[in-house]
Amino acid sequence: MVALFLCAFLMFSCSGSSGVISETTQFEQTDPELQRIAEDARNTISSFFLHLGRKGAEEQSFCVKYSFDTAADSRIAAEQIWLTGVHFKNGNYYGVLANNPQFLDGRKKGDTVIFSADSVTDWMYVRDGKIIGGYSIKYLLEKIPEDQRNENQRNLLNMF
């Protein structure tokens, strides 16, 4: 079985409201650039948490992309979902699912989950209208030919 991941594109924020574009894309688990982005995200997650802890009015919409293992009978090995409302409490990291999972039984948009920083595959926040991080979003959007991008995709790319 070829292992695939899923990634939801976000628009303007990780707020989980009108900010989320409902598009989902599948990609090969072995994509070297996405693997590099995930490794870099794990290596720089401390910077994300530093900004999250001291966020000011100019920094908002903090979220992480987390890789969830799927059921053995699923057609993919893992599903990546953006988590909003990221916080640390009682020795655990928590986040809220920003969209409805397609391959995680019993979980839905808005559910709070515990996550490990070791399995984060991207992180982002918005500062003064610009996306900081979010490299997997940028990479996947840039793979779409410019003449095939919709207005939301073009607007999102302009935020980097």
C-alpha atoms as a PDB file:
ATOM      1  CA  MET A   1       0.000   0.000   0.000  1.00  0.00           C
ATOM      2  CA  VAL A   2       1.337   3.419  -0.925  1.00  0.00           C
ATOM      3  CA  ALA A   3       1.252   5.652   2.132  1.00  0.00           C
ATOM      4  CA  LEU A   4      -0.339   9.038   1.548  1.00  0.00           C
ATOM      5  CA  PHE A   5      -0.846  12.034   3.776  1.00  0.00           C
ATOM      6  CA  LEU A   6      -3.599  14.613   3.713  1.00  0.00           C
ATOM      7  CA  CYS A   7      -3.184  18.322   4.221  1.00  0.00           C
ATOM      8  CA  ALA A   8      -5.895  20.946   4.477  1.00  0.00           C
ATOM      9  CA  PHE A   9      -5.073  24.386   3.126  1.00  0.00           C
ATOM     10  CA  LEU A  10      -5.816  27.287   5.427  1.00  0.00           C
ATOM     11  CA  MET A  11      -6.896  30.735   4.407  1.00  0.00           C
ATOM     12  CA  PHE A  12      -5.853  33.799   6.384  1.00  0.00           C
ATOM     13  CA  SER A  13      -5.824  32.064   9.762  1.00  0.00           C
ATOM     14  CA  CYS A  14      -6.115  28.837  11.633  1.00  0.00           C
ATOM     15  CA  SER A  15      -9.213  30.094  13.354  1.00  0.00           C
ATOM     16  CA  GLY A  16     -11.306  27.127  12.311  1.00  0.00           C
ATOM     17  CA  SER A  17     -14.086  29.415  11.093  1.00  0.00           C
ATOM     18  CA  SER A  18     -14.365  31.008   7.673  1.00  0.00           C
ATOM     19  CA  GLY A  19     -10.584  31.024   7.560  1.00  0.00           C
ATOM     20  CA  VAL A  20     -10.364  27.365   6.581  1.00  0.00           C
ATOM     21  CA  ILE A  21     -10.590  26.401   2.948  1.00  0.00           C
ATOM     22  CA  SER A  22     -12.193  23.000   2.672  1.00  0.00           C
ATOM     23  CA  GLU A  23      -9.721  21.819   0.042  1.00  0.00           C
ATOM     24  CA  THR A  24      -7.711  18.741   0.888  1.00  0.00           C
ATOM     25  CA  THR A  25      -4.839  17.352  -1.083  1.00  0.00           C
ATOM     26  CA  GLN A  26      -3.079  14.001  -1.084  1.00  0.00           C
ATOM     27  CA  PHE A  27       0.633  13.612  -1.550  1.00  0.00           C
ATOM     28  CA  GLU A  28       3.244  10.895  -1.389  1.00  0.00           C
ATOM     29  CA  GLN A  29       4.729  10.296   2.027  1.00  0.00           C
ATOM     30  CA  THR A  30       8.164  10.142   0.429  1.00  0.00           C
ATOM     31  CA  ASP A  31       8.083  13.652  -1.082  1.00  0.00           C
ATOM     32  CA  PRO A  32      11.604  14.825  -0.107  1.00  0.00           C
ATOM     33  CA  GLU A  33      10.674  18.501   0.196  1.00  0.00           C
ATOM     34  CA  LEU A  34       7.745  17.772   2.512  1.00  0.00           C
ATOM     35  CA  GLN A  35       9.999  15.528   4.592  1.00  0.00           C
ATOM     36  CA  ARG A  36      12.539  18.371   4.825  1.00  0.00           C
ATOM     37  CA  ILE A  37       9.794  20.839   5.810  1.00  0.00           C
ATOM     38  CA  ALA A  38       8.550  18.457   8.533  1.00  0.00           C
ATOM     39  CA  GLU A  39      12.076  17.962   9.898  1.00  0.00           C
ATOM     40  CA  ASP A  40      12.666  21.714   9.910  1.00  0.00           C
ATOM     41  CA  ALA A  41       9.335  22.257  11.700  1.00  0.00           C
ATOM     42  CA  ARG A  42      10.368  19.859  14.465  1.00  0.00           C
ATOM     43  CA  ASN A  43      13.800  21.496  14.711  1.00  0.00           C
ATOM     44  CA  THR A  44      12.282  24.996  15.050  1.00  0.00           C
ATOM     45  CA  ILE A  45       9.161  24.230  17.108  1.00  0.00           C
ATOM     46  CA  SER A  46      10.753  25.933  20.126  1.00  0.00           C
ATOM     47  CA  SER A  47      10.655  29.241  18.204  1.00  0.00           C
ATOM     48  CA  PHE A  48       6.936  28.706  17.552  1.00  0.00           C
ATOM     49  CA  PHE A  49       6.270  28.044  21.245  1.00  0.00           C
ATOM     50  CA  LEU A  50       8.346  31.087  22.226  1.00  0.00           C
ATOM     51  CA  HIS A  51       6.137  33.348  20.089  1.00  0.00           C
ATOM     52  CA  LEU A  52       2.976  31.578  21.226  1.00  0.00           C
ATOM     53  CA  GLY A  53       3.904  32.240  24.850  1.00  0.00           C
ATOM     54  CA  ARG A  54       4.525  35.931  24.355  1.00  0.00           C
ATOM     55  CA  LYS A  55       2.155  36.723  21.502  1.00  0.00           C
ATOM     56  CA  GLY A  56       1.113  40.286  21.080  1.00  0.00           C
ATOM     57  CA  ALA A  57      -1.667  41.912  19.129  1.00  0.00           C
ATOM     58  CA  GLU A  58       0.442  41.699  15.958  1.00  0.00           C
ATOM     59  CA  GLU A  59       0.844  37.888  16.285  1.00  0.00           C
ATOM     60  CA  GLN A  60      -2.220  35.671  16.013  1.00  0.00           C
ATOM     61  CA  SER A  61      -3.668  32.492  14.511  1.00  0.00           C
ATOM     62  CA  PHE A  62      -1.107  30.097  15.972  1.00  0.00           C
ATOM     63  CA  CYS A  63      -1.470  26.516  14.760  1.00  0.00           C
ATOM     64  CA  VAL A  64       0.519  23.365  14.117  1.00  0.00           C
ATOM     65  CA  LYS A  65       0.108  20.607  11.559  1.00  0.00           C
ATOM     66  CA  TYR A  66       0.176  17.226  13.225  1.00  0.00           C
ATOM     67  CA  SER A  67       0.516  13.761  11.733  1.00  0.00           C
ATOM     68  CA  PHE A  68      -2.046  11.286  13.103  1.00  0.00           C
ATOM     69  CA  ASP A  69      -1.656   7.555  12.519  1.00  0.00           C
ATOM     70  CA  THR A  70      -4.693   6.080  10.785  1.00  0.00           C
ATOM     71  CA  ALA A  71      -6.370   2.716  11.252  1.00  0.00           C
ATOM     72  CA  ALA A  72      -4.614  -0.326   9.790  1.00  0.00           C
ATOM     73  CA  ASP A  73      -7.440  -0.858   7.291  1.00  0.00           C
ATOM     74  CA  SER A  74      -7.241   2.735   6.053  1.00  0.00           C
ATOM     75  CA  ARG A  75      -5.897   3.387   2.570  1.00  0.00           C
ATOM     76  CA  ILE A  76      -3.308   5.806   3.980  1.00  0.00           C
ATOM     77  CA  ALA A  77      -0.723   5.518   6.758  1.00  0.00           C
ATOM     78  CA  ALA A  78      -1.238   8.964   8.305  1.00  0.00           C
ATOM     79  CA  GLU A  79      -3.442  12.019   8.076  1.00  0.00           C
ATOM     80  CA  GLN A  80      -2.063  15.474   8.728  1.00  0.00           C
ATOM     81  CA  ILE A  81      -4.429  17.974  10.272  1.00  0.00           C
ATOM     82  CA  TRP A  82      -3.950  21.562  11.398  1.00  0.00           C
ATOM     83  CA  LEU A  83      -4.563  22.161  15.103  1.00  0.00           C
ATOM     84  CA  THR A  84      -5.717  25.514  16.468  1.00  0.00           C
ATOM     85  CA  GLY A  85      -5.980  26.694  20.073  1.00  0.00           C
ATOM     86  CA  VAL A  86      -2.518  25.306  20.785  1.00  0.00           C
ATOM     87  CA  HIS A  87      -1.571  25.364  24.479  1.00  0.00           C
ATOM     88  CA  PHE A  88       0.459  23.526  27.116  1.00  0.00           C
ATOM     89  CA  LYS A  89      -1.181  22.284  30.306  1.00  0.00           C
ATOM     90  CA  ASN A  90      -0.255  19.681  32.933  1.00  0.00           C
ATOM     91  CA  GLY A  91       2.736  18.456  30.928  1.00  0.00           C
ATOM     92  CA  ASN A  92       0.829  17.995  27.636  1.00  0.00           C
ATOM     93  CA  TYR A  93       0.383  19.938  24.411  1.00  0.00           C
ATOM     94  CA  TYR A  94      -3.235  20.401  23.303  1.00  0.00           C
ATOM     95  CA  GLY A  95      -4.835  21.577  20.080  1.00  0.00           C
ATOM     96  CA  VAL A  96      -8.234  21.654  18.409  1.00  0.00           C
ATOM     97  CA  LEU A  97      -8.877  19.903  15.071  1.00  0.00           C
ATOM     98  CA  ALA A  98      -9.301  22.639  12.442  1.00  0.00           C
ATOM     99  CA  ASN A  99     -11.178  20.424   9.998  1.00  0.00           C
ATOM    100  CA  ASN A 100     -13.028  17.111   9.887  1.00  0.00           C
ATOM    101  CA  PRO A 101     -10.606  14.199   9.527  1.00  0.00           C
ATOM    102  CA  GLN A 102     -11.277  11.843   6.653  1.00  0.00           C
ATOM    103  CA  PHE A 103      -9.465   8.804   8.064  1.00  0.00           C
ATOM    104  CA  LEU A 104      -9.630   9.185  11.861  1.00  0.00           C
ATOM    105  CA  ASP A 105     -12.669   7.387  13.179  1.00  0.00           C
ATOM    106  CA  GLY A 106     -14.434   9.032  16.074  1.00  0.00           C
ATOM    107  CA  ARG A 107     -12.787  12.437  15.646  1.00  0.00           C
ATOM    108  CA  LYS A 108     -14.324  15.591  14.222  1.00  0.00           C
ATOM    109  CA  LYS A 109     -13.594  19.254  13.671  1.00  0.00           C
ATOM    110  CA  GLY A 110     -13.519  21.052  17.019  1.00  0.00           C
ATOM    111  CA  ASP A 111     -12.301  18.071  19.054  1.00  0.00           C
ATOM    112  CA  THR A 112      -9.456  18.785  21.446  1.00  0.00           C
ATOM    113  CA  VAL A 113      -6.512  16.397  21.135  1.00  0.00           C
ATOM    114  CA  ILE A 114      -3.195  15.866  22.900  1.00  0.00           C
ATOM    115  CA  PHE A 115      -0.195  16.009  20.580  1.00  0.00           C
ATOM    116  CA  SER A 116       3.553  15.501  20.712  1.00  0.00           C
ATOM    117  CA  ALA A 117       5.919  18.167  19.415  1.00  0.00           C
ATOM    118  CA  ASP A 118       7.962  15.286  17.938  1.00  0.00           C
ATOM    119  CA  SER A 119       5.226  14.590  15.357  1.00  0.00           C
ATOM    120  CA  VAL A 120       4.546  18.163  14.246  1.00  0.00           C
ATOM    121  CA  THR A 121       5.054  18.498  10.482  1.00  0.00           C
ATOM    122  CA  ASP A 122       4.583  22.268  10.163  1.00  0.00           C
ATOM    123  CA  TRP A 123       3.669  25.284  12.247  1.00  0.00           C
ATOM    124  CA  MET A 124       2.544  28.790  11.500  1.00  0.00           C
ATOM    125  CA  TYR A 125       1.208  32.025  12.856  1.00  0.00           C
ATOM    126  CA  VAL A 126       0.298  35.367  11.343  1.00  0.00           C
ATOM    127  CA  ARG A 127       2.232  38.526  12.166  1.00  0.00           C
ATOM    128  CA  ASP A 128       1.081  41.836  10.752  1.00  0.00           C
ATOM    129  CA  GLY A 129      -0.857  40.068   7.996  1.00  0.00           C
ATOM    130  CA  LYS A 130       2.063  37.833   6.931  1.00  0.00           C
ATOM    131  CA  ILE A 131       2.354  34.098   7.492  1.00  0.00           C
ATOM    132  CA  ILE A 132       5.370  33.021   9.534  1.00  0.00           C
ATOM    133  CA  GLY A 133       6.122  29.336   8.951  1.00  0.00           C
ATOM    134  CA  GLY A 134       3.484  27.397   7.025  1.00  0.00           C
ATOM    135  CA  TYR A 135       6.098  26.137   4.585  1.00  0.00           C
ATOM    136  CA  SER A 136       4.104  23.047   3.584  1.00  0.00           C
ATOM    137  CA  ILE A 137       1.179  25.267   2.574  1.00  0.00           C
ATOM    138  CA  LYS A 138       3.439  27.465   0.472  1.00  0.00           C
ATOM    139  CA  TYR A 139       5.149  24.456  -1.121  1.00  0.00           C
ATOM    140  CA  LEU A 140       1.864  22.747  -2.040  1.00  0.00           C
ATOM    141  CA  LEU A 141       0.319  25.951  -3.379  1.00  0.00           C
ATOM    142  CA  GLU A 142       3.382  26.659  -5.513  1.00  0.00           C
ATOM    143  CA  LYS A 143       2.983  23.218  -7.100  1.00  0.00           C
ATOM    144  CA  ILE A 144      -0.351  24.347  -8.541  1.00  0.00           C
ATOM    145  CA  PRO A 145       0.278  26.063 -11.897  1.00  0.00           C
ATOM    146  CA  GLU A 146      -0.396  29.788 -11.536  1.00  0.00           C
ATOM    147  CA  ASP A 147      -3.122  29.778 -14.168  1.00  0.00           C
ATOM    148  CA  GLN A 148      -4.943  27.020 -12.232  1.00  0.00           C
ATOM    149  CA  ARG A 149      -4.876  28.682  -8.788  1.00  0.00           C
ATOM    150  CA  ASN A 150      -8.145  30.061  -7.494  1.00  0.00           C
ATOM    151  CA  GLU A 151      -8.426  33.496  -5.899  1.00  0.00           C
ATOM    152  CA  ASN A 152      -8.117  32.138  -2.341  1.00  0.00           C
ATOM    153  CA  GLN A 153      -4.930  30.273  -3.244  1.00  0.00           C
ATOM    154  CA  ARG A 154      -3.404  33.373  -4.856  1.00  0.00           C
ATOM    155  CA  ASN A 155      -4.349  35.516  -1.842  1.00  0.00           C
ATOM    156  CA  LEU A 156      -2.835  32.982   0.522  1.00  0.00           C
ATOM    157  CA  LEU A 157       0.438  32.855  -1.418  1.00  0.00           C
ATOM    158  CA  ASN A 158       0.614  36.654  -1.209  1.00  0.00           C
ATOM    159  CA  MET A 159       0.628  36.382   2.575  1.00  0.00           C
ATOM    160  CA  PHE A 160       4.091  34.740   2.572  1.00  0.00           C
END
